[in-house]
């Protein structure tokens, strides 16, 4: 059974029973509010998100925090990642999940990564090595507030000693997405 409601303006609402037996309840706001549908568009559901990688291997200096130059966008839904400054500056205030995963090669010890907001560290991670090889993975994640205008996040790598590089390509990446609008 279907019920079709038509108003004085164009358009209609169709209520249709589900294909399986049972009761279905539709609750609408008692006084005022918004009913969201699969076609609804609100900032919270469509906030900025990005995923970037290194185009090629990047040399990392010993004992110096080095900005990772993520310059290849897999996606950037709101054009908020700057591939020349290597930073994400969202245009919507909210809470963001930021993730960093980097593979390093030819290192001896003490690798790590850090996420910085406005130049200050907000997350860091150490290395996990591969047995018998000089390849190490470092990663970290953080949930943080970004004001949608001036706040930005960047990714950095660090080598305590030895020499090495951050692997380019798809084995490493820097990503983020809005979890909730402010």
N, C-alpha and C. Protein backbone atom coordinates (compact mmCIF):
# COMPACT_ATOMS: atom_id res chain seq x y z
N UNK A 1 0.84 -1.17 0.00
CA UNK A 1 0.00 0.00 0.00
C UNK A 1 0.89 1.24 0.00
N UNK A 2 0.50 2.26 -0.74
CA UNK A 2 1.20 3.53 -0.78
C UNK A 2 0.23 4.66 -0.47
N UNK A 3 0.75 5.70 0.17
CA UNK A 3 -0.04 6.90 0.44
C UNK A 3 0.70 8.05 -0.22
N UNK A 4 0.03 8.83 -1.03
CA UNK A 4 0.63 9.98 -1.70
C UNK A 4 -0.04 11.23 -1.16
N UNK A 5 0.77 12.16 -0.64
CA UNK A 5 0.27 13.44 -0.15
C UNK A 5 0.70 14.52 -1.12
N UNK A 6 -0.23 15.32 -1.55
CA UNK A 6 0.10 16.43 -2.44
C UNK A 6 -0.34 17.72 -1.80
N UNK A 7 0.54 18.72 -1.87
CA UNK A 7 0.22 20.02 -1.31
C UNK A 7 -0.24 20.98 -2.38
N UNK A 8 -0.39 22.23 -1.98
CA UNK A 8 -0.84 23.25 -2.93
C UNK A 8 0.28 23.68 -3.88
N UNK A 9 1.51 23.34 -3.55
CA UNK A 9 2.64 23.65 -4.44
C UNK A 9 3.03 22.38 -5.17
N UNK A 10 3.95 22.47 -6.07
CA UNK A 10 4.37 21.30 -6.83
C UNK A 10 5.12 20.32 -5.94
N UNK A 11 5.05 19.08 -6.26
CA UNK A 11 5.75 18.04 -5.51
C UNK A 11 4.78 17.24 -4.67
N UNK A 12 5.27 16.13 -4.18
CA UNK A 12 4.44 15.26 -3.35
C UNK A 12 5.32 14.45 -2.42
N UNK A 13 4.71 13.84 -1.43
CA UNK A 13 5.39 12.93 -0.51
C UNK A 13 4.72 11.58 -0.66
N UNK A 14 5.50 10.55 -0.87
CA UNK A 14 4.96 9.21 -1.01
C UNK A 14 5.45 8.37 0.15
N UNK A 15 4.53 7.77 0.88
CA UNK A 15 4.85 6.82 1.94
C UNK A 15 4.51 5.44 1.43
N UNK A 16 5.47 4.54 1.49
CA UNK A 16 5.25 3.21 0.96
C UNK A 16 5.68 2.20 2.00
N UNK A 17 4.88 1.15 2.18
CA UNK A 17 5.22 0.13 3.17
C UNK A 17 6.47 -0.64 2.73
N UNK A 18 7.26 -1.09 3.69
CA UNK A 18 8.48 -1.84 3.34
C UNK A 18 8.14 -3.20 2.75
N UNK A 19 9.11 -3.78 2.10
CA UNK A 19 8.93 -5.08 1.44
C UNK A 19 8.86 -6.23 2.44
N UNK A 20 9.28 -6.00 3.67
CA UNK A 20 9.24 -7.06 4.68
C UNK A 20 8.10 -6.80 5.65
N UNK A 21 7.60 -7.85 6.25
CA UNK A 21 6.49 -7.73 7.20
C UNK A 21 6.96 -7.02 8.46
N UNK A 22 6.05 -6.32 9.10
CA UNK A 22 6.38 -5.64 10.35
C UNK A 22 5.81 -4.24 10.34
N UNK A 23 6.00 -3.56 11.44
CA UNK A 23 5.52 -2.19 11.58
C UNK A 23 6.66 -1.21 11.36
N UNK A 24 6.36 -0.13 10.67
CA UNK A 24 7.32 0.93 10.45
C UNK A 24 6.71 2.22 10.98
N UNK A 25 7.48 2.97 11.77
CA UNK A 25 6.99 4.21 12.35
C UNK A 25 7.77 5.38 11.76
N UNK A 26 7.05 6.37 11.29
CA UNK A 26 7.66 7.60 10.80
C UNK A 26 7.32 8.70 11.79
N UNK A 27 8.35 9.32 12.37
CA UNK A 27 8.13 10.40 13.33
C UNK A 27 8.58 11.71 12.72
N UNK A 28 7.71 12.69 12.75
CA UNK A 28 8.02 14.02 12.24
C UNK A 28 8.11 14.98 13.41
N UNK A 29 8.85 16.09 13.26
CA UNK A 29 8.95 17.06 14.36
C UNK A 29 7.57 17.57 14.77
N UNK A 30 7.34 17.72 16.10
CA UNK A 30 6.04 18.15 16.62
C UNK A 30 5.77 19.62 16.31
N UNK A 31 6.78 20.47 16.39
CA UNK A 31 6.56 21.90 16.16
C UNK A 31 7.36 22.42 14.99
N UNK A 32 8.67 22.31 15.08
CA UNK A 32 9.50 22.78 13.98
C UNK A 32 10.75 21.93 13.93
N UNK A 33 11.38 21.92 12.80
CA UNK A 33 12.59 21.13 12.64
C UNK A 33 12.81 20.80 11.19
N UNK A 34 13.79 19.96 10.95
CA UNK A 34 14.14 19.59 9.59
C UNK A 34 14.15 18.08 9.48
N UNK A 35 13.52 17.57 8.47
CA UNK A 35 13.56 16.15 8.18
C UNK A 35 14.62 15.94 7.11
N UNK A 36 15.62 15.13 7.42
CA UNK A 36 16.70 14.89 6.48
C UNK A 36 16.40 13.65 5.65
N UNK A 37 16.74 13.72 4.39
CA UNK A 37 16.59 12.58 3.50
C UNK A 37 17.95 12.23 2.93
N UNK A 38 18.01 11.18 2.15
CA UNK A 38 19.29 10.81 1.54
C UNK A 38 19.78 11.88 0.57
N UNK A 39 18.90 12.76 0.12
CA UNK A 39 19.30 13.83 -0.79
C UNK A 39 19.58 15.14 -0.07
N UNK A 40 19.46 15.15 1.27
CA UNK A 40 19.70 16.38 2.02
C UNK A 40 21.15 16.81 1.91
N UNK A 41 21.37 18.10 1.96
CA UNK A 41 22.71 18.64 1.90
C UNK A 41 22.91 19.61 3.04
N UNK A 42 23.71 19.23 4.02
CA UNK A 42 24.06 20.13 5.10
C UNK A 42 25.57 20.11 5.26
N UNK A 43 26.12 21.19 5.76
CA UNK A 43 27.56 21.33 5.87
C UNK A 43 28.18 20.19 6.64
N UNK A 44 27.54 19.75 7.71
CA UNK A 44 28.11 18.70 8.53
C UNK A 44 28.35 17.42 7.73
N UNK A 45 27.48 17.11 6.82
CA UNK A 45 27.65 15.89 6.02
C UNK A 45 28.57 16.10 4.83
N UNK A 46 28.78 17.32 4.43
CA UNK A 46 29.56 17.60 3.23
C UNK A 46 30.78 18.46 3.54
N UNK A 47 31.38 18.28 4.70
CA UNK A 47 32.54 19.08 5.09
C UNK A 47 33.78 18.71 4.31
N UNK A 48 34.81 19.52 4.42
CA UNK A 48 36.06 19.28 3.71
C UNK A 48 36.72 17.95 4.08
N UNK A 49 37.31 17.32 3.09
CA UNK A 49 38.07 16.08 3.30
C UNK A 49 39.18 16.05 2.25
N UNK A 50 40.31 15.42 2.62
CA UNK A 50 41.42 15.34 1.67
C UNK A 50 42.22 14.07 1.91
N UNK A 51 42.93 13.65 0.87
CA UNK A 51 43.92 12.58 0.96
C UNK A 51 45.02 12.92 -0.03
N UNK A 52 46.26 13.05 0.48
CA UNK A 52 47.39 13.42 -0.36
C UNK A 52 48.56 12.46 -0.14
N UNK A 53 49.41 12.36 -1.16
CA UNK A 53 50.61 11.52 -1.10
C UNK A 53 51.80 12.30 -1.64
N UNK A 54 52.98 11.74 -1.47
CA UNK A 54 54.19 12.32 -2.06
C UNK A 54 54.30 11.85 -3.50
N UNK A 55 54.62 12.75 -4.40
CA UNK A 55 54.78 12.38 -5.81
C UNK A 55 55.98 11.47 -6.00
N UNK A 56 57.04 11.69 -5.19
CA UNK A 56 58.25 10.87 -5.27
C UNK A 56 58.89 10.85 -3.89
N UNK A 57 59.95 10.05 -3.74
CA UNK A 57 60.65 9.99 -2.45
C UNK A 57 61.19 11.37 -2.08
N UNK A 58 61.16 11.65 -0.77
CA UNK A 58 61.66 12.93 -0.27
C UNK A 58 62.76 12.68 0.75
N UNK A 59 63.94 13.28 0.54
CA UNK A 59 65.04 13.13 1.48
C UNK A 59 64.67 13.79 2.81
N UNK A 60 65.05 13.12 3.90
CA UNK A 60 64.79 13.63 5.24
C UNK A 60 66.14 13.87 5.91
N UNK A 61 66.37 15.08 6.38
CA UNK A 61 67.63 15.42 7.05
C UNK A 61 67.67 14.82 8.45
N UNK A 62 68.86 14.47 8.91
CA UNK A 62 69.05 13.90 10.24
C UNK A 62 68.88 14.97 11.31
N UNK A 63 68.18 14.61 12.37
CA UNK A 63 67.99 15.46 13.56
C UNK A 63 67.33 16.80 13.27
N UNK A 64 66.53 16.85 12.21
CA UNK A 64 65.80 18.07 11.87
C UNK A 64 64.36 17.66 11.54
N UNK A 65 63.40 18.31 12.15
CA UNK A 65 62.00 18.09 11.81
C UNK A 65 61.78 18.63 10.40
N UNK A 66 61.38 17.75 9.47
CA UNK A 66 61.27 18.11 8.06
C UNK A 66 59.83 18.04 7.60
N UNK A 67 59.33 19.13 7.01
CA UNK A 67 57.96 19.12 6.51
C UNK A 67 57.86 18.14 5.35
N UNK A 68 56.88 17.25 5.43
CA UNK A 68 56.65 16.30 4.34
C UNK A 68 55.87 17.02 3.25
N UNK A 69 56.40 16.96 2.05
CA UNK A 69 55.87 17.76 0.95
C UNK A 69 54.84 16.98 0.14
N UNK A 70 53.70 16.73 0.78
CA UNK A 70 52.60 16.03 0.12
C UNK A 70 52.03 16.94 -0.97
N UNK A 71 52.19 16.50 -2.22
CA UNK A 71 51.83 17.36 -3.34
C UNK A 71 50.96 16.68 -4.40
N UNK A 72 50.52 15.46 -4.11
CA UNK A 72 49.66 14.75 -5.05
C UNK A 72 48.34 14.46 -4.38
N UNK A 73 47.28 15.10 -4.87
CA UNK A 73 45.95 14.92 -4.27
C UNK A 73 45.26 13.71 -4.88
N UNK A 74 44.84 12.81 -4.02
CA UNK A 74 43.95 11.74 -4.45
C UNK A 74 42.54 12.31 -4.49
N UNK A 75 42.19 13.08 -3.45
CA UNK A 75 40.97 13.88 -3.47
C UNK A 75 41.13 15.05 -2.51
N UNK A 76 40.40 16.10 -2.79
CA UNK A 76 40.36 17.31 -1.97
C UNK A 76 38.98 17.92 -2.22
N UNK A 77 38.00 17.53 -1.42
CA UNK A 77 36.60 17.82 -1.72
C UNK A 77 36.24 19.30 -1.72
N UNK A 78 36.98 20.12 -1.00
CA UNK A 78 36.63 21.55 -0.92
C UNK A 78 37.81 22.44 -1.32
N UNK A 79 38.79 21.86 -1.98
CA UNK A 79 39.98 22.61 -2.42
C UNK A 79 40.66 23.33 -1.26
N UNK A 80 40.83 22.62 -0.15
CA UNK A 80 41.41 23.21 1.06
C UNK A 80 42.86 22.78 1.31
N UNK A 81 43.37 21.82 0.53
CA UNK A 81 44.76 21.41 0.70
C UNK A 81 45.62 22.18 -0.29
N UNK A 82 46.63 22.86 0.21
CA UNK A 82 47.53 23.66 -0.62
C UNK A 82 48.76 22.81 -0.95
N UNK A 83 48.91 22.42 -2.21
CA UNK A 83 50.02 21.56 -2.63
C UNK A 83 51.33 22.32 -2.82
N UNK A 84 51.32 23.64 -2.65
CA UNK A 84 52.58 24.38 -2.69
C UNK A 84 53.08 24.68 -1.28
N UNK A 85 52.18 24.86 -0.32
CA UNK A 85 52.57 25.05 1.08
C UNK A 85 52.49 23.74 1.87
N UNK A 86 51.90 22.70 1.26
CA UNK A 86 51.80 21.35 1.85
C UNK A 86 51.02 21.39 3.17
N UNK A 87 49.86 22.06 3.15
CA UNK A 87 49.06 22.16 4.36
C UNK A 87 47.57 22.16 4.04
N UNK A 88 46.79 21.78 5.05
CA UNK A 88 45.34 21.74 4.97
C UNK A 88 44.78 22.87 5.81
N UNK A 89 44.02 23.77 5.17
CA UNK A 89 43.35 24.87 5.86
C UNK A 89 41.87 24.79 5.51
N UNK A 90 41.07 24.15 6.35
CA UNK A 90 39.65 23.97 6.00
C UNK A 90 38.89 25.29 6.02
N UNK A 91 37.84 25.36 5.22
CA UNK A 91 37.02 26.56 5.12
C UNK A 91 35.73 26.46 5.93
N UNK A 92 35.61 25.43 6.76
CA UNK A 92 34.46 25.25 7.63
C UNK A 92 34.98 24.96 9.03
N UNK A 93 34.51 25.72 10.02
CA UNK A 93 34.91 25.48 11.41
C UNK A 93 34.32 24.16 11.88
N UNK A 94 35.14 23.37 12.57
CA UNK A 94 34.63 22.11 13.08
C UNK A 94 35.71 21.24 13.66
N UNK A 95 35.32 20.00 13.96
CA UNK A 95 36.22 19.00 14.52
C UNK A 95 36.65 18.09 13.39
N UNK A 96 37.96 17.89 13.26
CA UNK A 96 38.53 17.16 12.14
C UNK A 96 39.35 15.97 12.63
N UNK A 97 39.21 14.85 11.94
CA UNK A 97 40.06 13.69 12.16
C UNK A 97 41.22 13.82 11.16
N UNK A 98 42.44 13.91 11.66
CA UNK A 98 43.62 14.07 10.82
C UNK A 98 44.50 12.83 11.00
N UNK A 99 44.97 12.25 9.90
CA UNK A 99 45.74 11.01 9.92
C UNK A 99 47.02 11.17 9.11
N UNK A 100 48.08 10.55 9.60
CA UNK A 100 49.37 10.59 8.91
C UNK A 100 50.01 9.21 9.00
N UNK A 101 50.39 8.67 7.86
CA UNK A 101 51.06 7.38 7.78
C UNK A 101 52.19 7.52 6.77
N UNK A 102 53.43 7.31 7.23
CA UNK A 102 54.57 7.51 6.33
C UNK A 102 55.54 6.34 6.42
N UNK A 103 55.98 5.88 5.25
CA UNK A 103 56.98 4.83 5.15
C UNK A 103 58.33 5.49 4.87
N UNK A 104 59.35 5.08 5.63
CA UNK A 104 60.70 5.60 5.46
C UNK A 104 61.62 4.48 4.98
N UNK A 105 62.67 4.85 4.23
CA UNK A 105 63.64 3.85 3.77
C UNK A 105 65.05 4.27 4.17
N UNK A 106 65.95 3.30 4.18
CA UNK A 106 67.38 3.51 4.41
C UNK A 106 67.68 4.26 5.72
N UNK A 107 66.96 3.93 6.76
CA UNK A 107 67.18 4.59 8.04
C UNK A 107 67.87 3.63 9.00
N UNK A 108 68.50 4.19 10.01
CA UNK A 108 69.14 3.33 11.01
C UNK A 108 68.37 3.27 12.31
N UNK A 109 67.93 4.39 12.84
CA UNK A 109 67.05 4.36 14.02
C UNK A 109 66.42 5.71 14.28
N UNK A 110 65.38 5.72 15.08
CA UNK A 110 64.75 6.95 15.52
C UNK A 110 63.94 7.69 14.49
N UNK A 111 63.02 7.01 13.82
CA UNK A 111 62.15 7.66 12.85
C UNK A 111 60.84 8.04 13.53
N UNK A 112 60.21 9.06 13.02
CA UNK A 112 58.91 9.44 13.56
C UNK A 112 58.21 10.44 12.68
N UNK A 113 56.92 10.64 12.98
CA UNK A 113 56.12 11.63 12.27
C UNK A 113 55.39 12.50 13.29
N UNK A 114 55.02 13.69 12.85
CA UNK A 114 54.28 14.60 13.71
C UNK A 114 53.25 15.36 12.87
N UNK A 115 52.12 15.65 13.49
CA UNK A 115 51.12 16.54 12.91
C UNK A 115 51.18 17.84 13.70
N UNK A 116 51.32 18.95 12.98
CA UNK A 116 51.38 20.26 13.62
C UNK A 116 50.17 21.10 13.23
N UNK A 117 49.58 21.79 14.21
CA UNK A 117 48.51 22.75 13.95
C UNK A 117 49.08 24.13 14.22
N UNK A 118 49.06 24.98 13.21
CA UNK A 118 49.59 26.34 13.31
C UNK A 118 51.02 26.35 13.85
N UNK A 119 51.82 25.35 13.48
CA UNK A 119 53.22 25.28 13.87
C UNK A 119 53.51 24.59 15.18
N UNK A 120 52.47 24.14 15.91
CA UNK A 120 52.67 23.46 17.19
C UNK A 120 52.23 22.00 17.09
N UNK A 121 53.04 21.11 17.65
CA UNK A 121 52.76 19.67 17.58
C UNK A 121 51.46 19.34 18.32
N UNK A 122 50.60 18.56 17.66
CA UNK A 122 49.38 18.07 18.30
C UNK A 122 49.29 16.55 18.29
N UNK A 123 50.17 15.88 17.53
CA UNK A 123 50.21 14.43 17.52
C UNK A 123 51.57 13.97 17.02
N UNK A 124 52.03 12.82 17.52
CA UNK A 124 53.30 12.27 17.04
C UNK A 124 53.24 10.76 17.13
N UNK A 125 54.09 10.12 16.33
CA UNK A 125 54.16 8.67 16.33
C UNK A 125 55.55 8.19 16.02
N UNK A 126 55.94 7.07 16.61
CA UNK A 126 57.25 6.47 16.39
C UNK A 126 57.21 5.47 15.26
N UNK A 127 58.31 4.75 15.09
CA UNK A 127 58.47 3.85 13.96
C UNK A 127 58.28 2.40 14.33
N UNK A 128 57.79 1.65 13.38
CA UNK A 128 57.73 0.20 13.46
C UNK A 128 58.53 -0.31 12.28
N UNK A 129 59.54 -1.16 12.55
CA UNK A 129 60.42 -1.64 11.49
C UNK A 129 59.98 -2.94 10.88
N UNK A 130 60.48 -3.20 9.70
CA UNK A 130 60.26 -4.46 9.00
C UNK A 130 61.49 -5.32 9.27
N UNK A 131 61.30 -6.54 9.71
CA UNK A 131 62.39 -7.44 10.04
C UNK A 131 63.33 -7.64 8.86
N UNK A 132 64.62 -7.42 9.09
CA UNK A 132 65.63 -7.68 8.07
C UNK A 132 65.77 -6.60 7.02
N UNK A 133 65.09 -5.50 7.18
CA UNK A 133 65.20 -4.45 6.16
C UNK A 133 65.31 -3.09 6.77
N UNK A 134 65.57 -2.13 5.94
CA UNK A 134 65.70 -0.76 6.40
C UNK A 134 64.46 0.06 6.13
N UNK A 135 63.27 -0.58 6.14
CA UNK A 135 62.03 0.13 5.89
C UNK A 135 61.25 0.23 7.19
N UNK A 136 60.80 1.44 7.49
CA UNK A 136 60.06 1.68 8.72
C UNK A 136 58.79 2.45 8.43
N UNK A 137 57.76 2.21 9.23
CA UNK A 137 56.48 2.91 9.11
C UNK A 137 56.24 3.71 10.37
N UNK A 138 55.78 4.92 10.21
CA UNK A 138 55.40 5.76 11.33
C UNK A 138 54.02 6.32 11.04
N UNK A 139 53.21 6.42 12.08
CA UNK A 139 51.89 6.98 11.88
C UNK A 139 51.34 7.60 13.14
N UNK A 140 50.39 8.49 12.98
CA UNK A 140 49.69 9.08 14.10
C UNK A 140 48.36 9.65 13.61
N UNK A 141 47.45 9.87 14.55
CA UNK A 141 46.14 10.44 14.25
C UNK A 141 45.75 11.35 15.38
N UNK A 142 44.88 12.30 15.08
CA UNK A 142 44.39 13.20 16.11
C UNK A 142 43.01 13.73 15.69
N UNK A 143 42.17 13.95 16.68
CA UNK A 143 40.90 14.63 16.48
C UNK A 143 41.09 16.03 17.04
N UNK A 144 40.92 17.06 16.21
CA UNK A 144 41.21 18.42 16.66
C UNK A 144 40.20 19.41 16.10
N UNK A 145 40.13 20.56 16.75
CA UNK A 145 39.26 21.64 16.27
C UNK A 145 40.07 22.55 15.34
N UNK A 146 39.48 22.91 14.21
CA UNK A 146 40.06 23.87 13.27
C UNK A 146 39.00 24.94 13.01
N UNK A 147 39.39 26.22 13.09
CA UNK A 147 38.42 27.31 13.08
C UNK A 147 37.81 27.66 11.72
N UNK A 148 38.28 27.05 10.65
CA UNK A 148 37.68 27.28 9.33
C UNK A 148 38.19 28.51 8.61
N UNK A 149 39.12 29.24 9.22
CA UNK A 149 39.67 30.42 8.54
C UNK A 149 41.19 30.45 8.59
N UNK A 150 41.77 30.46 9.79
CA UNK A 150 43.22 30.61 9.90
C UNK A 150 43.95 29.36 10.38
N UNK A 151 43.25 28.41 11.00
CA UNK A 151 43.92 27.20 11.48
C UNK A 151 44.32 26.29 10.31
N UNK A 152 45.49 25.67 10.42
CA UNK A 152 45.95 24.75 9.39
C UNK A 152 46.72 23.61 10.05
N UNK A 153 46.84 22.49 9.34
CA UNK A 153 47.63 21.35 9.81
C UNK A 153 48.64 20.96 8.74
N UNK A 154 49.80 20.48 9.21
CA UNK A 154 50.89 20.06 8.33
C UNK A 154 51.47 18.76 8.87
N UNK A 155 52.17 18.03 8.01
CA UNK A 155 52.80 16.76 8.37
C UNK A 155 54.32 16.90 8.33
N UNK A 156 54.99 16.30 9.32
CA UNK A 156 56.45 16.37 9.41
C UNK A 156 57.03 14.99 9.67
N UNK A 157 58.26 14.79 9.21
CA UNK A 157 59.01 13.57 9.47
C UNK A 157 60.29 13.89 10.20
N UNK A 158 60.84 12.88 10.89
CA UNK A 158 62.05 13.09 11.69
C UNK A 158 62.91 11.83 11.65
N UNK A 159 64.21 11.99 11.50
CA UNK A 159 65.17 10.90 11.60
C UNK A 159 66.17 11.28 12.70
N UNK A 160 66.31 10.41 13.70
CA UNK A 160 67.23 10.68 14.79
C UNK A 160 68.69 10.56 14.34
N UNK A 161 68.97 9.55 13.52
CA UNK A 161 70.33 9.37 13.00
C UNK A 161 70.26 8.62 11.69
N UNK A 162 71.38 8.56 11.00
CA UNK A 162 71.43 7.90 9.71
C UNK A 162 70.89 8.80 8.62
N UNK A 163 70.65 8.22 7.47
CA UNK A 163 70.08 8.98 6.36
C UNK A 163 68.93 8.18 5.80
N UNK A 164 68.01 8.86 5.20
CA UNK A 164 66.87 8.15 4.64
C UNK A 164 65.95 9.07 3.89
N UNK A 165 64.87 8.48 3.44
CA UNK A 165 63.89 9.26 2.69
C UNK A 165 62.49 8.78 3.05
N UNK A 166 61.55 9.67 2.84
CA UNK A 166 60.14 9.34 2.98
C UNK A 166 59.69 8.81 1.62
N UNK A 167 59.12 7.62 1.61
CA UNK A 167 58.67 7.01 0.36
C UNK A 167 57.51 7.79 -0.24
N UNK A 168 57.56 7.99 -1.54
CA UNK A 168 56.44 8.56 -2.27
C UNK A 168 55.51 7.45 -2.72
N UNK A 169 54.47 7.83 -3.38
CA UNK A 169 53.51 6.86 -3.89
C UNK A 169 52.39 6.59 -2.90
N UNK A 170 51.71 5.49 -3.12
CA UNK A 170 50.48 5.23 -2.36
C UNK A 170 50.68 4.48 -1.05
N UNK A 171 51.90 4.12 -0.69
CA UNK A 171 52.11 3.40 0.57
C UNK A 171 52.08 4.33 1.77
N UNK A 172 52.08 5.63 1.55
CA UNK A 172 52.06 6.62 2.62
C UNK A 172 51.05 7.69 2.26
N UNK A 173 50.56 8.38 3.29
CA UNK A 173 49.62 9.45 2.99
C UNK A 173 49.25 10.29 4.19
N UNK A 174 48.67 11.43 3.89
CA UNK A 174 48.21 12.41 4.86
C UNK A 174 46.75 12.68 4.52
N UNK A 175 45.87 12.57 5.50
CA UNK A 175 44.45 12.72 5.20
C UNK A 175 43.71 13.38 6.36
N UNK A 176 42.52 13.84 6.05
CA UNK A 176 41.68 14.43 7.08
C UNK A 176 40.29 14.63 6.58
N UNK A 177 39.35 14.69 7.52
CA UNK A 177 37.96 14.96 7.17
C UNK A 177 37.24 15.54 8.37
N UNK A 178 36.23 16.34 8.08
CA UNK A 178 35.43 16.93 9.13
C UNK A 178 34.53 15.86 9.74
N UNK A 179 34.55 15.77 11.05
CA UNK A 179 33.71 14.83 11.79
C UNK A 179 32.40 15.50 12.19
N UNK A 180 32.52 16.78 12.61
CA UNK A 180 31.34 17.50 13.07
C UNK A 180 31.59 19.00 12.92
N UNK A 181 30.62 19.70 12.39
CA UNK A 181 30.73 21.16 12.27
C UNK A 181 30.65 21.78 13.67
N UNK A 182 31.23 22.97 13.81
CA UNK A 182 31.23 23.66 15.11
C UNK A 182 29.87 24.26 15.37
